[in-house]
Protein backbone atom coordinates (compact mmCIF):
# COMPACT_ATOMS: atom_id res chain seq x y z
CA MET A 1 4.60 -3.12 21.98
CA VAL A 2 1.03 -2.59 20.94
CA ALA A 3 -1.90 -0.84 22.57
CA HIS A 4 -4.68 -3.25 23.46
CA PHE A 5 -8.27 -2.14 23.98
CA SER A 6 -10.89 -4.40 25.47
CA PRO A 7 -13.89 -5.11 23.25
CA GLY A 8 -17.27 -3.62 24.09
CA SER A 9 -19.02 -0.30 23.72
CA ASP A 10 -17.88 0.92 27.14
CA ALA A 11 -14.14 0.39 26.50
CA ARG A 12 -12.35 3.53 27.63
CA HIS A 13 -9.06 2.25 28.98
CA GLY A 14 -6.22 0.62 27.12
CA SER A 15 -3.19 -1.27 28.29
CA ILE A 16 0.24 -1.91 26.81
CA LEU A 17 1.21 -5.51 26.15
CA GLN A 18 4.62 -6.89 25.28
CA ILE A 19 4.51 -8.81 21.98
CA THR A 20 7.05 -11.03 20.27
CA GLY A 21 8.86 -10.14 17.07
CA ALA A 22 6.77 -12.71 15.20
CA GLU A 23 3.55 -11.13 16.50
CA GLN A 24 4.79 -7.68 15.51
CA SER A 25 5.58 -8.90 11.97
CA ARG A 26 2.10 -10.44 11.65
CA VAL A 27 0.39 -7.24 12.85
CA LEU A 28 2.47 -5.02 10.57
CA GLY A 29 1.99 -7.43 7.68
CA ARG A 30 -1.77 -7.40 8.13
CA TRP A 31 -2.10 -3.65 8.58
CA ALA A 32 0.93 -2.39 6.69
CA SER A 33 1.70 1.29 6.85
CA THR A 34 0.57 3.41 3.95
CA ALA A 35 2.78 6.27 5.15
CA VAL A 36 5.36 7.45 2.66
CA SER A 37 8.82 8.61 3.74
CA ARG A 38 11.81 10.26 2.18
CA VAL A 39 15.32 9.34 3.31
CA GLN A 40 17.47 12.45 3.82
CA SER A 41 21.26 12.45 3.54
CA TYR A 42 22.91 13.19 6.89
CA ASN A 43 25.79 15.27 5.53
CA PHE A 44 24.03 16.75 2.45
CA GLN A 45 20.70 17.72 3.97
CA ASP A 46 19.29 19.10 0.71
CA ARG A 47 19.59 15.63 -0.88
CA TYR A 48 17.40 12.56 -0.62
CA LEU A 49 17.73 8.89 -1.46
CA ARG A 50 16.19 8.24 -4.85
CA HIS A 51 16.21 5.66 -7.61
CA ALA A 52 16.65 6.10 -11.33
CA ASN A 53 16.78 3.15 -13.74
CA TYR A 54 16.84 0.86 -10.66
CA ASP A 55 20.11 2.40 -9.42
CA VAL A 56 19.99 4.28 -6.11
CA ARG A 57 21.74 7.58 -5.44
CA ILE A 58 21.17 10.80 -3.52
CA GLY A 59 20.04 13.99 -5.18
CA PRO A 60 18.20 17.27 -4.69
CA ASN A 61 14.87 18.08 -6.35
CA VAL A 62 13.85 14.49 -7.01
CA SER A 63 11.60 14.31 -10.05
CA PRO A 64 9.30 12.54 -10.33
CA ALA A 65 8.79 12.80 -6.56
CA GLN A 66 7.82 9.11 -6.28
CA ASP A 67 11.41 8.15 -7.21
CA GLY A 68 12.41 9.46 -3.78
CA GLN A 69 9.53 8.06 -1.75
CA TRP A 70 9.57 4.83 0.25
CA ARG A 71 7.29 2.81 2.48
CA ILE A 72 9.03 1.51 5.57
CA VAL A 73 7.75 -2.03 5.99
CA PRO A 74 8.59 -4.96 8.28
CA GLY A 75 12.02 -6.30 7.37
CA LEU A 76 12.02 -8.97 4.68
CA ALA A 77 14.68 -10.85 6.66
CA GLY A 78 12.67 -11.00 9.86
CA SER A 79 12.32 -9.48 13.29
CA GLY A 80 14.26 -6.38 14.26
CA THR A 81 14.73 -5.14 10.69
CA VAL A 82 12.92 -2.86 8.26
CA SER A 83 12.80 -2.79 4.49
CA PHE A 84 12.21 0.14 2.15
CA GLN A 85 9.57 -0.49 -0.50
CA SER A 86 9.57 1.75 -3.57
CA VAL A 87 6.38 3.79 -3.86
CA ASN A 88 6.20 3.83 -7.64
CA HIS A 89 7.55 0.28 -8.06
CA PRO A 90 5.81 -1.50 -5.15
CA ASP A 91 7.25 -4.89 -6.10
CA HIS A 92 10.79 -3.47 -5.68
CA TYR A 93 12.77 -2.88 -2.48
CA LEU A 94 15.93 -0.99 -1.60
CA ARG A 95 18.70 -3.57 -1.60
CA HIS A 96 22.47 -3.60 -1.31
CA TRP A 97 24.20 -5.82 -3.82
CA GLY A 98 27.96 -5.89 -4.35
CA TYR A 99 28.33 -2.85 -2.03
CA VAL A 100 25.99 -0.82 -4.26
CA LEU A 101 22.40 0.23 -3.50
CA ARG A 102 19.68 -0.51 -6.04
CA ILE A 103 16.00 -1.36 -6.10
CA ASP A 104 15.12 -4.89 -7.06
CA THR A 105 12.45 -7.55 -6.85
CA ILE A 106 13.15 -9.96 -4.02
CA THR A 107 12.94 -13.64 -4.91
CA ASN A 108 15.11 -15.55 -2.42
CA ALA A 109 16.67 -15.57 1.05
CA THR A 110 19.78 -13.70 -0.10
CA GLY A 111 17.60 -10.95 -1.55
CA ARG A 112 15.56 -10.75 1.66
CA ALA A 113 18.77 -10.38 3.70
CA ASP A 114 20.13 -7.75 1.28
CA ALA A 115 16.87 -5.76 1.59
CA ALA A 116 16.73 -5.74 5.40
CA PHE A 117 18.15 -2.86 7.42
CA ARG A 118 18.58 -2.20 11.12
CA SER A 119 18.57 1.16 12.88
CA VAL A 120 21.87 1.83 14.67
CA GLY A 121 23.35 4.73 16.55
């Protein structure tokens, strides 16, 4: 859903409109979030998801800090998913490959699917 405000200088009221997944992807693609997030381990709450030499692991006291920072962006595989873009390697995304997490450039449909995640639970 997205808030919609009528044009004009006297616009004071907004309304909520239902949008499709394709519309949501276009809006998020056009005005992508610049917010940066850290991903915290559920069972080791002093540890965060981080990358080092393109491998991904969890660890405390991530240094440099950007190795543990991600931009949550519209999923590379399409509607209903999100992808995690590395802050300090913006052309790399969190990806699972052979049951291992890593950051990688995404060049094909398999890579896009490997770099797309869905919230569950």
